[in-house]
Amino acid sequence: MSEINFGIDDRCINEIQVASMHKLIRRAKQAHFTDVRLRINGEYEFHEADWLKHFVELSLPRVRVHPKSDGLLIIAASGKGRYMTWRERIAYWLLGNKTEMFP
């Protein structure tokens, strides 16, 4: 399964909207079924929205690395984990034990 990314420019959203998004996602994760009601041009539309449960905040570390006796364990923001390959271990070491690269 491939990862799909969506983003929003921080100049297009304020703190109140960010807090609202956090609340919406937190509430969706607690629900069994989730629907969203949109009001577009005065008319309401309902959409199935169980996908809201799978949102992760990208400003958080996307990957955590835990040293184990048999290698370096990578745990993604989604909670899935696996051990680093030799190439990844070399890149991790060359980057000063950092998992993110910024321009």
PDB file of N, CA and C in Angstrom:
ATOM      1  N   MET A   1       0.844  -1.171   0.000  1.00  0.00           N
ATOM      2  CA  MET A   1       0.000   0.000   0.000  1.00  0.00           C
ATOM      3  C   MET A   1       0.893   1.240   0.000  1.00  0.00           C
ATOM      4  N   SER A   2       0.588   2.201  -0.831  1.00  0.00           N
ATOM      5  CA  SER A   2       1.406   3.401  -0.910  1.00  0.00           C
ATOM      6  C   SER A   2       0.886   4.464   0.049  1.00  0.00           C
ATOM      7  N   GLU A   3       1.775   5.365   0.400  1.00  0.00           N
ATOM      8  CA  GLU A   3       1.425   6.467   1.286  1.00  0.00           C
ATOM      9  C   GLU A   3       0.951   7.643   0.446  1.00  0.00           C
ATOM     10  N   ILE A   4      -0.136   8.278   0.859  1.00  0.00           N
ATOM     11  CA  ILE A   4      -0.675   9.445   0.171  1.00  0.00           C
ATOM     12  C   ILE A   4      -0.479  10.643   1.083  1.00  0.00           C
ATOM     13  N   ASN A   5       0.039  11.729   0.542  1.00  0.00           N
ATOM     14  CA  ASN A   5       0.307  12.907   1.356  1.00  0.00           C
ATOM     15  C   ASN A   5      -0.533  14.087   0.905  1.00  0.00           C
ATOM     16  N   PHE A   6      -1.104  14.785   1.866  1.00  0.00           N
ATOM     17  CA  PHE A   6      -1.781  16.048   1.638  1.00  0.00           C
ATOM     18  C   PHE A   6      -1.141  17.061   2.575  1.00  0.00           C
ATOM     19  N   GLY A   7      -1.138  18.302   2.190  1.00  0.00           N
ATOM     20  CA  GLY A   7      -0.563  19.324   3.045  1.00  0.00           C
ATOM     21  C   GLY A   7      -1.317  20.622   2.924  1.00  0.00           C
ATOM     22  N   ILE A   8      -1.059  21.507   3.867  1.00  0.00           N
ATOM     23  CA  ILE A   8      -1.646  22.835   3.827  1.00  0.00           C
ATOM     24  C   ILE A   8      -0.562  23.819   4.231  1.00  0.00           C
ATOM     25  N   ASP A   9      -0.455  24.893   3.494  1.00  0.00           N
ATOM     26  CA  ASP A   9       0.525  25.927   3.774  1.00  0.00           C
ATOM     27  C   ASP A   9       0.142  26.622   5.074  1.00  0.00           C
ATOM     28  N   ASP A  10       1.109  26.784   5.983  1.00  0.00           N
ATOM     29  CA  ASP A  10       0.787  27.389   7.278  1.00  0.00           C
ATOM     30  C   ASP A  10       0.360  28.851   7.175  1.00  0.00           C
ATOM     31  N   ARG A  11       0.550  29.462   6.011  1.00  0.00           N
ATOM     32  CA  ARG A  11       0.064  30.836   5.818  1.00  0.00           C
ATOM     33  C   ARG A  11      -1.427  30.858   5.505  1.00  0.00           C
ATOM     34  N   CYS A  12      -2.023  29.700   5.215  1.00  0.00           N
ATOM     35  CA  CYS A  12      -3.436  29.609   4.833  1.00  0.00           C
ATOM     36  C   CYS A  12      -4.336  29.178   5.978  1.00  0.00           C
ATOM     37  N   ILE A  13      -3.792  28.992   7.172  1.00  0.00           N
ATOM     38  CA  ILE A  13      -4.578  28.464   8.284  1.00  0.00           C
ATOM     39  C   ILE A  13      -4.130  29.147   9.571  1.00  0.00           C
ATOM     40  N   ASN A  14      -5.086  29.419  10.458  1.00  0.00           N
ATOM     41  CA  ASN A  14      -4.735  30.072  11.724  1.00  0.00           C
ATOM     42  C   ASN A  14      -4.790  29.077  12.878  1.00  0.00           C
ATOM     43  N   GLU A  15      -4.424  29.549  14.088  1.00  0.00           N
ATOM     44  CA  GLU A  15      -4.348  28.649  15.246  1.00  0.00           C
ATOM     45  C   GLU A  15      -5.710  28.067  15.614  1.00  0.00           C
ATOM     46  N   ILE A  16      -6.770  28.835  15.448  1.00  0.00           N
ATOM     47  CA  ILE A  16      -8.111  28.345  15.775  1.00  0.00           C
ATOM     48  C   ILE A  16      -8.485  27.188  14.844  1.00  0.00           C
ATOM     49  N   GLN A  17      -8.159  27.313  13.560  1.00  0.00           N
ATOM     50  CA  GLN A  17      -8.448  26.244  12.607  1.00  0.00           C
ATOM     51  C   GLN A  17      -7.603  25.006  12.905  1.00  0.00           C
ATOM     52  N   VAL A  18      -6.347  25.214  13.303  1.00  0.00           N
ATOM     53  CA  VAL A  18      -5.481  24.078  13.660  1.00  0.00           C
ATOM     54  C   VAL A  18      -6.057  23.344  14.868  1.00  0.00           C
ATOM     55  N   ALA A  19      -6.493  24.096  15.876  1.00  0.00           N
ATOM     56  CA  ALA A  19      -7.091  23.479  17.063  1.00  0.00           C
ATOM     57  C   ALA A  19      -8.356  22.708  16.691  1.00  0.00           C
ATOM     58  N   SER A  20      -9.139  23.254  15.779  1.00  0.00           N
ATOM     59  CA  SER A  20     -10.349  22.580  15.313  1.00  0.00           C
ATOM     60  C   SER A  20     -10.012  21.278  14.599  1.00  0.00           C
ATOM     61  N   MET A  21      -8.961  21.285  13.772  1.00  0.00           N
ATOM     62  CA  MET A  21      -8.535  20.070  13.072  1.00  0.00           C
ATOM     63  C   MET A  21      -8.078  19.010  14.067  1.00  0.00           C
ATOM     64  N   HIS A  22      -7.299  19.425  15.088  1.00  0.00           N
ATOM     65  CA  HIS A  22      -6.842  18.487  16.112  1.00  0.00           C
ATOM     66  C   HIS A  22      -8.033  17.842  16.820  1.00  0.00           C
ATOM     67  N   LYS A  23      -9.024  18.656  17.178  1.00  0.00           N
ATOM     68  CA  LYS A  23     -10.204  18.130  17.862  1.00  0.00           C
ATOM     69  C   LYS A  23     -10.975  17.178  16.971  1.00  0.00           C
ATOM     70  N   LEU A  24     -11.162  17.541  15.705  1.00  0.00           N
ATOM     71  CA  LEU A  24     -11.884  16.702  14.759  1.00  0.00           C
ATOM     72  C   LEU A  24     -11.204  15.337  14.598  1.00  0.00           C
ATOM     73  N   ILE A  25      -9.904  15.337  14.420  1.00  0.00           N
ATOM     74  CA  ILE A  25      -9.164  14.079  14.220  1.00  0.00           C
ATOM     75  C   ILE A  25      -9.179  13.246  15.499  1.00  0.00           C
ATOM     76  N   ARG A  26      -8.978  13.892  16.655  1.00  0.00           N
ATOM     77  CA  ARG A  26      -9.009  13.172  17.933  1.00  0.00           C
ATOM     78  C   ARG A  26     -10.374  12.508  18.138  1.00  0.00           C
ATOM     79  N   ARG A  27     -11.457  13.227  17.858  1.00  0.00           N
ATOM     80  CA  ARG A  27     -12.805  12.675  18.000  1.00  0.00           C
ATOM     81  C   ARG A  27     -13.057  11.550  16.993  1.00  0.00           C
ATOM     82  N   ALA A  28     -12.573  11.702  15.757  1.00  0.00           N
ATOM     83  CA  ALA A  28     -12.765  10.670  14.733  1.00  0.00           C
ATOM     84  C   ALA A  28     -12.066   9.378  15.126  1.00  0.00           C
ATOM     85  N   LYS A  29     -10.889   9.471  15.766  1.00  0.00           N
ATOM     86  CA  LYS A  29     -10.154   8.280  16.180  1.00  0.00           C
ATOM     87  C   LYS A  29     -10.907   7.505  17.258  1.00  0.00           C
ATOM     88  N   GLN A  30     -11.788   8.189  18.009  1.00  0.00           N
ATOM     89  CA  GLN A  30     -12.561   7.534  19.058  1.00  0.00           C
ATOM     90  C   GLN A  30     -13.845   6.907  18.524  1.00  0.00           C
ATOM     91  N   ALA A  31     -14.230   7.242  17.304  1.00  0.00           N
ATOM     92  CA  ALA A  31     -15.519   6.807  16.754  1.00  0.00           C
ATOM     93  C   ALA A  31     -15.400   5.477  16.019  1.00  0.00           C
ATOM     94  N   HIS A  32     -16.538   4.796  15.894  1.00  0.00           N
ATOM     95  CA  HIS A  32     -16.579   3.563  15.118  1.00  0.00           C
ATOM     96  C   HIS A  32     -16.862   3.868  13.649  1.00  0.00           C
ATOM     97  N   PHE A  33     -17.832   4.742  13.387  1.00  0.00           N
ATOM     98  CA  PHE A  33     -18.136   5.214  12.036  1.00  0.00           C
ATOM     99  C   PHE A  33     -18.047   6.735  12.044  1.00  0.00           C
ATOM    100  N   THR A  34     -17.565   7.310  10.966  1.00  0.00           N
ATOM    101  CA  THR A  34     -17.417   8.761  10.899  1.00  0.00           C
ATOM    102  C   THR A  34     -17.986   9.267   9.578  1.00  0.00           C
ATOM    103  N   ASP A  35     -18.837  10.278   9.665  1.00  0.00           N
ATOM    104  CA  ASP A  35     -19.360  10.990   8.497  1.00  0.00           C
ATOM    105  C   ASP A  35     -19.043  12.469   8.656  1.00  0.00           C
ATOM    106  N   VAL A  36     -18.912  13.157   7.543  1.00  0.00           N
ATOM    107  CA  VAL A  36     -18.655  14.597   7.551  1.00  0.00           C
ATOM    108  C   VAL A  36     -19.780  15.280   6.793  1.00  0.00           C
ATOM    109  N   ARG A  37     -20.286  16.379   7.361  1.00  0.00           N
ATOM    110  CA  ARG A  37     -21.310  17.170   6.695  1.00  0.00           C
ATOM    111  C   ARG A  37     -20.648  18.459   6.214  1.00  0.00           C
ATOM    112  N   LEU A  38     -20.671  18.688   4.914  1.00  0.00           N
ATOM    113  CA  LEU A  38     -20.119  19.903   4.319  1.00  0.00           C
ATOM    114  C   LEU A  38     -21.249  20.809   3.863  1.00  0.00           C
ATOM    115  N   ARG A  39     -21.066  22.090   4.042  1.00  0.00           N
ATOM    116  CA  ARG A  39     -22.030  23.058   3.521  1.00  0.00           C
ATOM    117  C   ARG A  39     -21.342  23.804   2.392  1.00  0.00           C
ATOM    118  N   ILE A  40     -21.806  23.573   1.181  1.00  0.00           N
ATOM    119  CA  ILE A  40     -21.216  24.181  -0.007  1.00  0.00           C
ATOM    120  C   ILE A  40     -22.306  24.956  -0.720  1.00  0.00           C
ATOM    121  N   ASN A  41     -22.088  26.264  -0.856  1.00  0.00           N
ATOM    122  CA  ASN A  41     -23.059  27.149  -1.507  1.00  0.00           C
ATOM    123  C   ASN A  41     -24.458  26.992  -0.923  1.00  0.00           C
ATOM    124  N   GLY A  42     -24.531  26.862   0.395  1.00  0.00           N
ATOM    125  CA  GLY A  42     -25.816  26.783   1.072  1.00  0.00           C
ATOM    126  C   GLY A  42     -26.470  25.420   1.077  1.00  0.00           C
ATOM    127  N   GLU A  43     -25.866  24.440   0.442  1.00  0.00           N
ATOM    128  CA  GLU A  43     -26.431  23.092   0.416  1.00  0.00           C
ATOM    129  C   GLU A  43     -25.505  22.136   1.167  1.00  0.00           C
ATOM    130  N   TYR A  44     -26.113  21.212   1.898  1.00  0.00           N
ATOM    131  CA  TYR A  44     -25.345  20.265   2.694  1.00  0.00           C
ATOM    132  C   TYR A  44     -25.080  18.984   1.918  1.00  0.00           C
ATOM    133  N   GLU A  45     -23.875  18.463   2.107  1.00  0.00           N
ATOM    134  CA  GLU A  45     -23.476  17.174   1.544  1.00  0.00           C
ATOM    135  C   GLU A  45     -22.916  16.326   2.677  1.00  0.00           C
ATOM    136  N   PHE A  46     -23.200  15.046   2.657  1.00  0.00           N
ATOM    137  CA  PHE A  46     -22.662  14.114   3.647  1.00  0.00           C
ATOM    138  C   PHE A  46     -21.678  13.181   2.955  1.00  0.00           C
ATOM    139  N   HIS A  47     -20.555  12.940   3.617  1.00  0.00           N
ATOM    140  CA  HIS A  47     -19.520  12.059   3.066  1.00  0.00           C
ATOM    141  C   HIS A  47     -19.035  11.103   4.147  1.00  0.00           C
ATOM    142  N   GLU A  48     -18.783   9.865   3.765  1.00  0.00           N
ATOM    143  CA  GLU A  48     -18.176   8.885   4.662  1.00  0.00           C
ATOM    144  C   GLU A  48     -16.749   9.349   4.921  1.00  0.00           C
ATOM    145  N   ALA A  49     -16.331   9.343   6.174  1.00  0.00           N
ATOM    146  CA  ALA A  49     -15.022   9.931   6.494  1.00  0.00           C
ATOM    147  C   ALA A  49     -14.240   9.105   7.513  1.00  0.00           C
ATOM    148  N   ASP A  50     -14.285   7.790   7.415  1.00  0.00           N
ATOM    149  CA  ASP A  50     -13.481   6.960   8.311  1.00  0.00           C
ATOM    150  C   ASP A  50     -11.984   7.170   8.093  1.00  0.00           C
ATOM    151  N   TRP A  51     -11.623   7.739   6.960  1.00  0.00           N
ATOM    152  CA  TRP A  51     -10.218   8.035   6.669  1.00  0.00           C
ATOM    153  C   TRP A  51      -9.642   9.060   7.646  1.00  0.00           C
ATOM    154  N   LEU A  52     -10.485   9.856   8.308  1.00  0.00           N
ATOM    155  CA  LEU A  52      -9.991  10.833   9.286  1.00  0.00           C
ATOM    156  C   LEU A  52      -9.232  10.159  10.426  1.00  0.00           C
ATOM    157  N   LYS A  53      -9.590   8.914  10.729  1.00  0.00           N
ATOM    158  CA  LYS A  53      -8.939   8.187  11.823  1.00  0.00           C
ATOM    159  C   LYS A  53      -7.459   7.947  11.552  1.00  0.00           C
ATOM    160  N   HIS A  54      -7.068   7.996  10.291  1.00  0.00           N
ATOM    161  CA  HIS A  54      -5.704   7.634   9.913  1.00  0.00           C
ATOM    162  C   HIS A  54      -4.788   8.838   9.722  1.00  0.00           C
ATOM    163  N   PHE A  55      -5.275  10.037  10.018  1.00  0.00           N
ATOM    164  CA  PHE A  55      -4.436  11.221   9.897  1.00  0.00           C
ATOM    165  C   PHE A  55      -3.338  11.190  10.953  1.00  0.00           C
ATOM    166  N   VAL A  56      -2.149  11.600  10.584  1.00  0.00           N
ATOM    167  CA  VAL A  56      -1.050  11.786  11.520  1.00  0.00           C
ATOM    168  C   VAL A  56      -0.486  13.171  11.286  1.00  0.00           C
ATOM    169  N   GLU A  57      -0.042  13.797  12.353  1.00  0.00           N
ATOM    170  CA  GLU A  57       0.513  15.136  12.239  1.00  0.00           C
ATOM    171  C   GLU A  57       1.959  15.030  11.763  1.00  0.00           C
ATOM    172  N   LEU A  58       2.264  15.658  10.640  1.00  0.00           N
ATOM    173  CA  LEU A  58       3.596  15.541  10.060  1.00  0.00           C
ATOM    174  C   LEU A  58       4.615  16.435  10.744  1.00  0.00           C
ATOM    175  N   SER A  59       4.167  17.372  11.570  1.00  0.00           N
ATOM    176  CA  SER A  59       5.132  18.192  12.300  1.00  0.00           C
ATOM    177  C   SER A  59       5.766  17.388  13.434  1.00  0.00           C
ATOM    178  N   LEU A  60       5.148  16.270  13.783  1.00  0.00           N
ATOM    179  CA  LEU A  60       5.739  15.354  14.747  1.00  0.00           C
ATOM    180  C   LEU A  60       6.814  14.540  14.040  1.00  0.00           C
ATOM    181  N   PRO A  61       7.753  13.959  14.783  1.00  0.00           N
ATOM    182  CA  PRO A  61       8.750  13.115  14.120  1.00  0.00           C
ATOM    183  C   PRO A  61       8.070  11.990  13.360  1.00  0.00           C
ATOM    184  N   ARG A  62       8.392  11.866  12.086  1.00  0.00           N
ATOM    185  CA  ARG A  62       7.741  10.842  11.263  1.00  0.00           C
ATOM    186  C   ARG A  62       8.278   9.456  11.569  1.00  0.00           C
ATOM    187  N   VAL A  63       9.528   9.393  12.023  1.00  0.00           N
ATOM    188  CA  VAL A  63      10.152   8.101  12.285  1.00  0.00           C
ATOM    189  C   VAL A  63      10.945   8.200  13.589  1.00  0.00           C
ATOM    190  N   ARG A  64      10.800   7.200  14.428  1.00  0.00           N
ATOM    191  CA  ARG A  64      11.613   7.111  15.643  1.00  0.00           C
ATOM    192  C   ARG A  64      12.547   5.916  15.479  1.00  0.00           C
ATOM    193  N   VAL A  65      13.760   6.039  15.992  1.00  0.00           N
ATOM    194  CA  VAL A  65      14.743   4.960  15.896  1.00  0.00           C
ATOM    195  C   VAL A  65      15.083   4.501  17.306  1.00  0.00           C
ATOM    196  N   HIS A  66      14.985   3.187  17.521  1.00  0.00           N
ATOM    197  CA  HIS A  66      15.298   2.604  18.817  1.00  0.00           C
ATOM    198  C   HIS A  66      16.393   1.565  18.632  1.00  0.00           C
ATOM    199  N   PRO A  67      17.546   1.753  19.307  1.00  0.00           N
ATOM    200  CA  PRO A  67      18.589   0.730  19.219  1.00  0.00           C
ATOM    201  C   PRO A  67      18.167  -0.527  19.985  1.00  0.00           C
ATOM    202  N   LYS A  68      18.295  -1.661  19.338  1.00  0.00           N
ATOM    203  CA  LYS A  68      17.982  -2.964  19.942  1.00  0.00           C
ATOM    204  C   LYS A  68      19.229  -3.825  19.841  1.00  0.00           C
ATOM    205  N   SER A  69      19.240  -4.933  20.532  1.00  0.00           N
ATOM    206  CA  SER A  69      20.420  -5.804  20.531  1.00  0.00           C
ATOM    207  C   SER A  69      20.709  -6.382  19.147  1.00  0.00           C
ATOM    208  N   ASP A  70      19.671  -6.529  18.314  1.00  0.00           N
ATOM    209  CA  ASP A  70      19.875  -7.110  16.987  1.00  0.00           C
ATOM    210  C   ASP A  70      19.711  -6.102  15.848  1.00  0.00           C
ATOM    211  N   GLY A  71      19.850  -4.806  16.125  1.00  0.00           N
ATOM    212  CA  GLY A  71      19.800  -3.794  15.073  1.00  0.00           C
ATOM    213  C   GLY A  71      19.056  -2.551  15.505  1.00  0.00           C
ATOM    214  N   LEU A  72      18.847  -1.639  14.556  1.00  0.00           N
ATOM    215  CA  LEU A  72      18.128  -0.402  14.818  1.00  0.00           C
ATOM    216  C   LEU A  72      16.684  -0.554  14.346  1.00  0.00           C
ATOM    217  N   LEU A  73      15.755  -0.377  15.267  1.00  0.00           N
ATOM    218  CA  LEU A  73      14.337  -0.525  14.972  1.00  0.00           C
ATOM    219  C   LEU A  73      13.760   0.837  14.591  1.00  0.00           C
ATOM    220  N   ILE A  74      13.094   0.910  13.425  1.00  0.00           N
ATOM    221  CA  ILE A  74      12.436   2.130  12.964  1.00  0.00           C
ATOM    222  C   ILE A  74      10.950   1.965  13.261  1.00  0.00           C
ATOM    223  N   ILE A  75      10.370   2.976  13.927  1.00  0.00           N
ATOM    224  CA  ILE A  75       8.928   2.977  14.165  1.00  0.00           C
ATOM    225  C   ILE A  75       8.357   4.226  13.515  1.00  0.00           C
ATOM    226  N   ALA A  76       7.452   4.039  12.559  1.00  0.00           N
ATOM    227  CA  ALA A  76       6.841   5.147  11.830  1.00  0.00           C
ATOM    228  C   ALA A  76       5.760   5.799  12.685  1.00  0.00           C
ATOM    229  N   ALA A  77       5.314   6.996  12.268  1.00  0.00           N
ATOM    230  CA  ALA A  77       4.260   7.715  12.987  1.00  0.00           C
ATOM    231  C   ALA A  77       2.977   6.891  13.042  1.00  0.00           C
ATOM    232  N   SER A  78       2.789   6.007  12.086  1.00  0.00           N
ATOM    233  CA  SER A  78       1.595   5.155  12.065  1.00  0.00           C
ATOM    234  C   SER A  78       1.672   4.039  13.100  1.00  0.00           C
ATOM    235  N   GLY A  79       2.870   3.828  13.695  1.00  0.00           N
ATOM    236  CA  GLY A  79       3.039   2.788  14.703  1.00  0.00           C
ATOM    237  C   GLY A  79       3.653   1.508  14.173  1.00  0.00           C
ATOM    238  N   LYS A  80       3.822   1.402  12.852  1.00  0.00           N
ATOM    239  CA  LYS A  80       4.413   0.201  12.271  1.00  0.00           C
ATOM    240  C   LYS A  80       5.938   0.269  12.411  1.00  0.00           C
ATOM    241  N   GLY A  81       6.547  -0.868  12.637  1.00  0.00           N
ATOM    242  CA  GLY A  81       7.984  -0.898  12.837  1.00  0.00           C
ATOM    243  C   GLY A  81       8.676  -1.956  12.006  1.00  0.00           C
ATOM    244  N   ARG A  82       9.972  -1.740  11.784  1.00  0.00           N
ATOM    245  CA  ARG A  82      10.817  -2.709  11.098  1.00  0.00           C
ATOM    246  C   ARG A  82      12.273  -2.358  11.421  1.00  0.00           C
ATOM    247  N   TYR A  83      13.175  -3.269  11.117  1.00  0.00           N
ATOM    248  CA  TYR A  83      14.593  -3.014  11.351  1.00  0.00           C
ATOM    249  C   TYR A  83      15.212  -2.336  10.143  1.00  0.00           C
ATOM    250  N   MET A  84      16.202  -1.453  10.383  1.00  0.00           N
ATOM    251  CA  MET A  84      16.898  -0.742   9.301  1.00  0.00           C
ATOM    252  C   MET A  84      17.730  -1.704   8.476  1.00  0.00           C
ATOM    253  N   THR A  85      17.800  -1.417   7.179  1.00  0.00           N
ATOM    254  CA  THR A  85      18.714  -2.151   6.302  1.00  0.00           C
ATOM    255  C   THR A  85      20.114  -1.586   6.518  1.00  0.00           C
ATOM    256  N   TRP A  86      21.136  -2.250   5.967  1.00  0.00           N
ATOM    257  CA  TRP A  86      22.503  -1.751   6.101  1.00  0.00           C
ATOM    258  C   TRP A  86      22.651  -0.389   5.448  1.00  0.00           C
ATOM    259  N   ARG A  87      22.038  -0.179   4.282  1.00  0.00           N
ATOM    260  CA  ARG A  87      22.094   1.127   3.624  1.00  0.00           C
ATOM    261  C   ARG A  87      21.495   2.224   4.504  1.00  0.00           C
ATOM    262  N   GLU A  88      20.348   1.922   5.104  1.00  0.00           N
ATOM    263  CA  GLU A  88      19.701   2.900   5.978  1.00  0.00           C
ATOM    264  C   GLU A  88      20.553   3.196   7.211  1.00  0.00           C
ATOM    265  N   ARG A  89      21.195   2.167   7.738  1.00  0.00           N
ATOM    266  CA  ARG A  89      22.062   2.371   8.915  1.00  0.00           C
ATOM    267  C   ARG A  89      23.247   3.262   8.580  1.00  0.00           C
ATOM    268  N   ILE A  90      23.805   3.080   7.382  1.00  0.00           N
ATOM    269  CA  ILE A  90      24.930   3.926   6.960  1.00  0.00           C
ATOM    270  C   ILE A  90      24.460   5.372   6.763  1.00  0.00           C
ATOM    271  N   ALA A  91      23.318   5.558   6.096  1.00  0.00           N
ATOM    272  CA  ALA A  91      22.772   6.911   5.895  1.00  0.00           C
ATOM    273  C   ALA A  91      22.445   7.560   7.234  1.00  0.00           C
ATOM    274  N   TYR A  92      21.880   6.806   8.143  1.00  0.00           N
ATOM    275  CA  TYR A  92      21.549   7.305   9.476  1.00  0.00           C
ATOM    276  C   TYR A  92      22.813   7.777  10.191  1.00  0.00           C
ATOM    277  N   TRP A  93      23.878   6.991  10.098  1.00  0.00           N
ATOM    278  CA  TRP A  93      25.149   7.351  10.716  1.00  0.00           C
ATOM    279  C   TRP A  93      25.744   8.592  10.050  1.00  0.00           C
ATOM    280  N   LEU A  94      25.718   8.647   8.690  1.00  0.00           N
ATOM    281  CA  LEU A  94      26.266   9.800   7.967  1.00  0.00           C
ATOM    282  C   LEU A  94      25.505  11.095   8.265  1.00  0.00           C
ATOM    283  N   LEU A  95      24.211  10.992   8.537  1.00  0.00           N
ATOM    284  CA  LEU A  95      23.392  12.171   8.842  1.00  0.00           C
ATOM    285  C   LEU A  95      23.459  12.569  10.315  1.00  0.00           C
ATOM    286  N   GLY A  96      24.341  11.951  11.059  1.00  0.00           N
ATOM    287  CA  GLY A  96      24.486  12.310  12.460  1.00  0.00           C
ATOM    288  C   GLY A  96      23.347  11.795  13.321  1.00  0.00           C
ATOM    289  N   ASN A  97      22.883  10.592  13.009  1.00  0.00           N
ATOM    290  CA  ASN A  97      21.793   9.943  13.745  1.00  0.00           C
ATOM    291  C   ASN A  97      20.501  10.756  13.710  1.00  0.00           C
ATOM    292  N   LYS A  98      20.229  11.357  12.568  1.00  0.00           N
ATOM    293  CA  LYS A  98      18.971  12.080  12.357  1.00  0.00           C
ATOM    294  C   LYS A  98      18.180  11.345  11.293  1.00  0.00           C
ATOM    295  N   THR A  99      16.841  11.389  11.431  1.00  0.00           N
ATOM    296  CA  THR A  99      16.007  10.683  10.458  1.00  0.00           C
ATOM    297  C   THR A  99      15.366  11.628   9.462  1.00  0.00           C
ATOM    298  N   GLU A 100      15.506  12.933   9.637  1.00  0.00           N
ATOM    299  CA  GLU A 100      14.897  13.895   8.711  1.00  0.00           C
ATOM    300  C   GLU A 100      15.988  14.738   8.075  1.00  0.00           C
ATOM    301  N   MET A 101      15.809  15.044   6.795  1.00  0.00           N
ATOM    302  CA  MET A 101      16.725  15.942   6.098  1.00  0.00           C
ATOM    303  C   MET A 101      15.939  17.179   5.708  1.00  0.00           C
ATOM    304  N   PHE A 102      16.473  18.347   5.988  1.00  0.00           N
ATOM    305  CA  PHE A 102      15.835  19.603   5.630  1.00  0.00           C
ATOM    306  C   PHE A 102      16.757  20.384   4.724  1.00  0.00           C
ATOM    307  N   PRO A 103      16.201  21.056   3.702  1.00  0.00           N
ATOM    308  CA  PRO A 103      17.063  21.831   2.800  1.00  0.00           C
ATOM    309  C   PRO A 103      17.683  23.027   3.501  1.00  0.00           C
TER     310      PRO A 103
END
